[in-house]
Amino acid sequence: MQEAHGQTGAKGAGDGSPDPNDIVTEDTGETPDPQFDPSLLEEASALIDNARTYAEAELGFQKTRAAFAGRLVGASLGLVIVALILLHIAFLALAVGLVLAFEPLAGIWGSIAIVFGALIAVVVLLGWGAFKRAKKLASLFSSPDEESS
């Protein structure tokens, strides 16, 4: 056991090595805080730098994703507009075709009246359905005392 005290680097009660808690700084004559570690500042600084780098990377990613989504929305909107235009043309062609199909049966003016009347009936039915749903939606957001009036 005595040999361990004589070895370099072995710490013992009487080996003369200073205890870190007993170190006195020469500048102030005070003992330093035993829990203060200069590497903590370095780690905190590295953590802040990492957080800043992460935030910048995340911001860049979100900007890129938003730009990509914007391009997709723009392209999709363009496709929807073209599809609606083509649908409108198709309905016009259907109406003209129906007028031509009914022409031998009811004459040109009669076939126009039949197709026009049928289209107006469809518009009225669609409008009535939309009105009923709008009324139901309004009742969802109205207070109970407003419903009775």
C-alpha atoms as a PDB file:
ATOM      1  CA  MET A   1       0.000   0.000   0.000  1.00  0.00           C
ATOM      2  CA  GLN A   2       2.928   2.291   0.689  1.00  0.00           C
ATOM      3  CA  GLU A   3       4.147   1.784  -2.846  1.00  0.00           C
ATOM      4  CA  ALA A   4       1.006   3.288  -4.290  1.00  0.00           C
ATOM      5  CA  HIS A   5       1.696   6.541  -2.477  1.00  0.00           C
ATOM      6  CA  GLY A   6       5.129   6.767  -3.965  1.00  0.00           C
ATOM      7  CA  GLN A   7       3.999   6.342  -7.576  1.00  0.00           C
ATOM      8  CA  THR A   8       3.607   9.299  -9.830  1.00  0.00           C
ATOM      9  CA  GLY A   9      -0.003  10.276 -10.353  1.00  0.00           C
ATOM     10  CA  ALA A  10      -1.341   8.359  -7.384  1.00  0.00           C
ATOM     11  CA  LYS A  11      -3.331  10.534  -5.045  1.00  0.00           C
ATOM     12  CA  GLY A  12      -3.401  10.002  -1.379  1.00  0.00           C
ATOM     13  CA  ALA A  13      -4.155  11.949   1.720  1.00  0.00           C
ATOM     14  CA  GLY A  14      -0.551  12.778   2.456  1.00  0.00           C
ATOM     15  CA  ASP A  15       1.058  12.853  -0.990  1.00  0.00           C
ATOM     16  CA  GLY A  16       1.239  16.627  -1.171  1.00  0.00           C
ATOM     17  CA  SER A  17      -0.950  16.940  -4.276  1.00  0.00           C
ATOM     18  CA  PRO A  18      -3.207  19.953  -4.122  1.00  0.00           C
ATOM     19  CA  ASP A  19      -6.921  19.475  -3.708  1.00  0.00           C
ATOM     20  CA  PRO A  20      -8.817  21.361  -6.477  1.00  0.00           C
ATOM     21  CA  ASN A  21     -11.098  22.866  -3.849  1.00  0.00           C
ATOM     22  CA  ASP A  22      -8.105  24.301  -1.999  1.00  0.00           C
ATOM     23  CA  ILE A  23      -6.616  26.165  -4.981  1.00  0.00           C
ATOM     24  CA  VAL A  24      -6.337  29.874  -4.315  1.00  0.00           C
ATOM     25  CA  THR A  25      -6.182  32.211  -7.264  1.00  0.00           C
ATOM     26  CA  GLU A  26      -3.339  34.662  -7.201  1.00  0.00           C
ATOM     27  CA  ASP A  27      -5.386  37.585  -8.545  1.00  0.00           C
ATOM     28  CA  THR A  28      -8.160  37.780  -5.997  1.00  0.00           C
ATOM     29  CA  GLY A  29      -7.068  35.444  -3.265  1.00  0.00           C
ATOM     30  CA  GLU A  30     -10.433  33.650  -3.457  1.00  0.00           C
ATOM     31  CA  THR A  31     -11.053  30.009  -4.121  1.00  0.00           C
ATOM     32  CA  PRO A  32     -12.625  29.396  -7.543  1.00  0.00           C
ATOM     33  CA  ASP A  33     -16.123  27.964  -7.834  1.00  0.00           C
ATOM     34  CA  PRO A  34     -15.626  24.186  -7.899  1.00  0.00           C
ATOM     35  CA  GLN A  35     -18.639  23.770 -10.229  1.00  0.00           C
ATOM     36  CA  PHE A  36     -17.409  26.265 -12.820  1.00  0.00           C
ATOM     37  CA  ASP A  37     -15.875  24.567 -15.808  1.00  0.00           C
ATOM     38  CA  PRO A  38     -14.514  26.651 -18.703  1.00  0.00           C
ATOM     39  CA  SER A  39     -15.498  23.909 -21.111  1.00  0.00           C
ATOM     40  CA  LEU A  40     -19.145  24.602 -20.230  1.00  0.00           C
ATOM     41  CA  LEU A  41     -18.868  27.970 -21.958  1.00  0.00           C
ATOM     42  CA  GLU A  42     -17.382  26.302 -25.006  1.00  0.00           C
ATOM     43  CA  GLU A  43     -20.147  23.704 -25.025  1.00  0.00           C
ATOM     44  CA  ALA A  44     -22.826  26.361 -24.603  1.00  0.00           C
ATOM     45  CA  SER A  45     -21.272  28.367 -27.425  1.00  0.00           C
ATOM     46  CA  ALA A  46     -21.184  25.270 -29.628  1.00  0.00           C
ATOM     47  CA  LEU A  47     -24.794  24.519 -28.715  1.00  0.00           C
ATOM     48  CA  ILE A  48     -25.854  28.037 -29.667  1.00  0.00           C
ATOM     49  CA  ASP A  49     -23.943  27.773 -32.945  1.00  0.00           C
ATOM     50  CA  ASN A  50     -25.562  24.411 -33.667  1.00  0.00           C
ATOM     51  CA  ALA A  51     -29.005  25.805 -32.879  1.00  0.00           C
ATOM     52  CA  ARG A  52     -28.379  28.768 -35.177  1.00  0.00           C
ATOM     53  CA  THR A  53     -27.184  26.453 -37.948  1.00  0.00           C
ATOM     54  CA  TYR A  54     -30.218  24.219 -37.465  1.00  0.00           C
ATOM     55  CA  ALA A  55     -32.586  27.199 -37.543  1.00  0.00           C
ATOM     56  CA  GLU A  56     -30.988  28.521 -40.734  1.00  0.00           C
ATOM     57  CA  ALA A  57     -31.162  25.095 -42.360  1.00  0.00           C
ATOM     58  CA  GLU A  58     -34.778  24.638 -41.291  1.00  0.00           C
ATOM     59  CA  LEU A  59     -35.694  28.083 -42.597  1.00  0.00           C
ATOM     60  CA  GLY A  60     -34.016  27.311 -45.907  1.00  0.00           C
ATOM     61  CA  PHE A  61     -35.823  23.989 -46.119  1.00  0.00           C
ATOM     62  CA  GLN A  62     -39.198  25.579 -45.389  1.00  0.00           C
ATOM     63  CA  LYS A  63     -38.573  28.304 -47.981  1.00  0.00           C
ATOM     64  CA  THR A  64     -37.680  25.684 -50.568  1.00  0.00           C
ATOM     65  CA  ARG A  65     -40.712  23.604 -49.669  1.00  0.00           C
ATOM     66  CA  ALA A  66     -43.003  26.639 -49.872  1.00  0.00           C
ATOM     67  CA  ALA A  67     -41.587  27.583 -53.273  1.00  0.00           C
ATOM     68  CA  PHE A  68     -42.069  24.034 -54.512  1.00  0.00           C
ATOM     69  CA  ALA A  69     -45.625  23.943 -53.166  1.00  0.00           C
ATOM     70  CA  GLY A  70     -46.316  27.289 -54.822  1.00  0.00           C
ATOM     71  CA  ARG A  71     -45.149  25.974 -58.168  1.00  0.00           C
ATOM     72  CA  LEU A  72     -47.308  22.874 -57.746  1.00  0.00           C
ATOM     73  CA  VAL A  73     -50.349  24.942 -56.804  1.00  0.00           C
ATOM     74  CA  GLY A  74     -49.799  27.224 -59.782  1.00  0.00           C
ATOM     75  CA  ALA A  75     -49.482  24.315 -62.183  1.00  0.00           C
ATOM     76  CA  SER A  76     -52.508  22.588 -60.667  1.00  0.00           C
ATOM     77  CA  LEU A  77     -54.572  25.751 -60.891  1.00  0.00           C
ATOM     78  CA  GLY A  78     -53.617  26.135 -64.540  1.00  0.00           C
ATOM     79  CA  LEU A  79     -54.676  22.560 -65.247  1.00  0.00           C
ATOM     80  CA  VAL A  80     -57.995  23.078 -63.452  1.00  0.00           C
ATOM     81  CA  ILE A  81     -58.686  26.228 -65.468  1.00  0.00           C
ATOM     82  CA  VAL A  82     -57.962  24.437 -68.735  1.00  0.00           C
ATOM     83  CA  ALA A  83     -60.167  21.525 -67.636  1.00  0.00           C
ATOM     84  CA  LEU A  84     -63.034  23.887 -66.801  1.00  0.00           C
ATOM     85  CA  ILE A  85     -62.705  25.625 -70.166  1.00  0.00           C
ATOM     86  CA  LEU A  86     -62.797  22.275 -71.945  1.00  0.00           C
ATOM     87  CA  LEU A  87     -65.781  21.188 -69.852  1.00  0.00           C
ATOM     88  CA  HIS A  88     -67.595  24.370 -70.833  1.00  0.00           C
ATOM     89  CA  ILE A  89     -66.857  23.699 -74.494  1.00  0.00           C
ATOM     90  CA  ALA A  90     -68.093  20.122 -74.072  1.00  0.00           C
ATOM     91  CA  PHE A  91     -71.389  21.327 -72.606  1.00  0.00           C
ATOM     92  CA  LEU A  92     -71.762  23.796 -75.459  1.00  0.00           C
ATOM     93  CA  ALA A  93     -71.159  20.984 -77.931  1.00  0.00           C
ATOM     94  CA  LEU A  94     -73.726  18.854 -76.106  1.00  0.00           C
ATOM     95  CA  ALA A  95     -76.281  21.643 -76.276  1.00  0.00           C
ATOM     96  CA  VAL A  96     -75.656  22.182 -79.987  1.00  0.00           C
ATOM     97  CA  GLY A  97     -75.818  18.441 -80.571  1.00  0.00           C
ATOM     98  CA  LEU A  98     -79.118  18.193 -78.725  1.00  0.00           C
ATOM     99  CA  VAL A  99     -80.541  21.077 -80.734  1.00  0.00           C
ATOM    100  CA  LEU A 100     -79.501  19.334 -83.946  1.00  0.00           C
ATOM    101  CA  ALA A 101     -80.881  16.009 -82.708  1.00  0.00           C
ATOM    102  CA  PHE A 102     -84.293  17.468 -81.814  1.00  0.00           C
ATOM    103  CA  GLU A 103     -84.523  19.580 -84.985  1.00  0.00           C
ATOM    104  CA  PRO A 104     -86.212  16.880 -87.101  1.00  0.00           C
ATOM    105  CA  LEU A 105     -88.770  16.250 -84.343  1.00  0.00           C
ATOM    106  CA  ALA A 106     -89.665  19.789 -83.270  1.00  0.00           C
ATOM    107  CA  GLY A 107     -88.109  22.098 -85.824  1.00  0.00           C
ATOM    108  CA  ILE A 108     -85.155  24.334 -85.152  1.00  0.00           C
ATOM    109  CA  TRP A 109     -86.955  26.747 -82.812  1.00  0.00           C
ATOM    110  CA  GLY A 110     -88.684  23.936 -80.961  1.00  0.00           C
ATOM    111  CA  SER A 111     -85.440  22.044 -80.445  1.00  0.00           C
ATOM    112  CA  ILE A 112     -83.751  25.220 -79.186  1.00  0.00           C
ATOM    113  CA  ALA A 113     -86.649  25.723 -76.756  1.00  0.00           C
ATOM    114  CA  ILE A 114     -86.455  22.109 -75.540  1.00  0.00           C
ATOM    115  CA  VAL A 115     -82.693  22.243 -74.930  1.00  0.00           C
ATOM    116  CA  PHE A 116     -82.901  25.717 -73.378  1.00  0.00           C
ATOM    117  CA  GLY A 117     -85.753  24.660 -71.078  1.00  0.00           C
ATOM    118  CA  ALA A 118     -83.909  21.511 -69.997  1.00  0.00           C
ATOM    119  CA  LEU A 119     -80.743  23.466 -69.248  1.00  0.00           C
ATOM    120  CA  ILE A 120     -82.692  26.083 -67.276  1.00  0.00           C
ATOM    121  CA  ALA A 121     -84.393  23.283 -65.304  1.00  0.00           C
ATOM    122  CA  VAL A 122     -80.980  21.806 -64.433  1.00  0.00           C
ATOM    123  CA  VAL A 123     -79.730  25.246 -63.371  1.00  0.00           C
ATOM    124  CA  VAL A 124     -82.807  25.765 -61.167  1.00  0.00           C
ATOM    125  CA  LEU A 125     -82.367  22.353 -59.517  1.00  0.00           C
ATOM    126  CA  LEU A 126     -78.681  22.997 -58.843  1.00  0.00           C
ATOM    127  CA  GLY A 127     -79.430  26.476 -57.489  1.00  0.00           C
ATOM    128  CA  TRP A 128     -82.184  25.134 -55.241  1.00  0.00           C
ATOM    129  CA  GLY A 129     -79.825  22.478 -53.836  1.00  0.00           C
ATOM    130  CA  ALA A 130     -77.153  25.106 -53.209  1.00  0.00           C
ATOM    131  CA  PHE A 131     -79.696  27.378 -51.497  1.00  0.00           C
ATOM    132  CA  LYS A 132     -80.844  24.566 -49.180  1.00  0.00           C
ATOM    133  CA  ARG A 133     -77.260  23.783 -48.199  1.00  0.00           C
ATOM    134  CA  ALA A 134     -76.459  27.458 -47.647  1.00  0.00           C
ATOM    135  CA  LYS A 135     -79.526  27.771 -45.426  1.00  0.00           C
ATOM    136  CA  LYS A 136     -78.429  24.712 -43.429  1.00  0.00           C
ATOM    137  CA  LEU A 137     -74.933  26.177 -43.109  1.00  0.00           C
ATOM    138  CA  ALA A 138     -76.352  29.486 -41.889  1.00  0.00           C
ATOM    139  CA  SER A 139     -78.409  27.675 -39.265  1.00  0.00           C
ATOM    140  CA  LEU A 140     -75.271  25.995 -37.937  1.00  0.00           C
ATOM    141  CA  PHE A 141     -73.726  29.372 -37.132  1.00  0.00           C
ATOM    142  CA  SER A 142     -76.810  31.169 -35.867  1.00  0.00           C
ATOM    143  CA  SER A 143     -77.878  31.342 -32.247  1.00  0.00           C
ATOM    144  CA  PRO A 144     -81.020  29.458 -31.130  1.00  0.00           C
ATOM    145  CA  ASP A 145     -83.077  32.646 -30.667  1.00  0.00           C
ATOM    146  CA  GLU A 146     -82.336  33.730 -34.271  1.00  0.00           C
ATOM    147  CA  GLU A 147     -83.789  30.479 -35.641  1.00  0.00           C
ATOM    148  CA  SER A 148     -87.247  31.190 -34.238  1.00  0.00           C
ATOM    149  CA  SER A 149     -87.559  34.505 -36.071  1.00  0.00           C
END
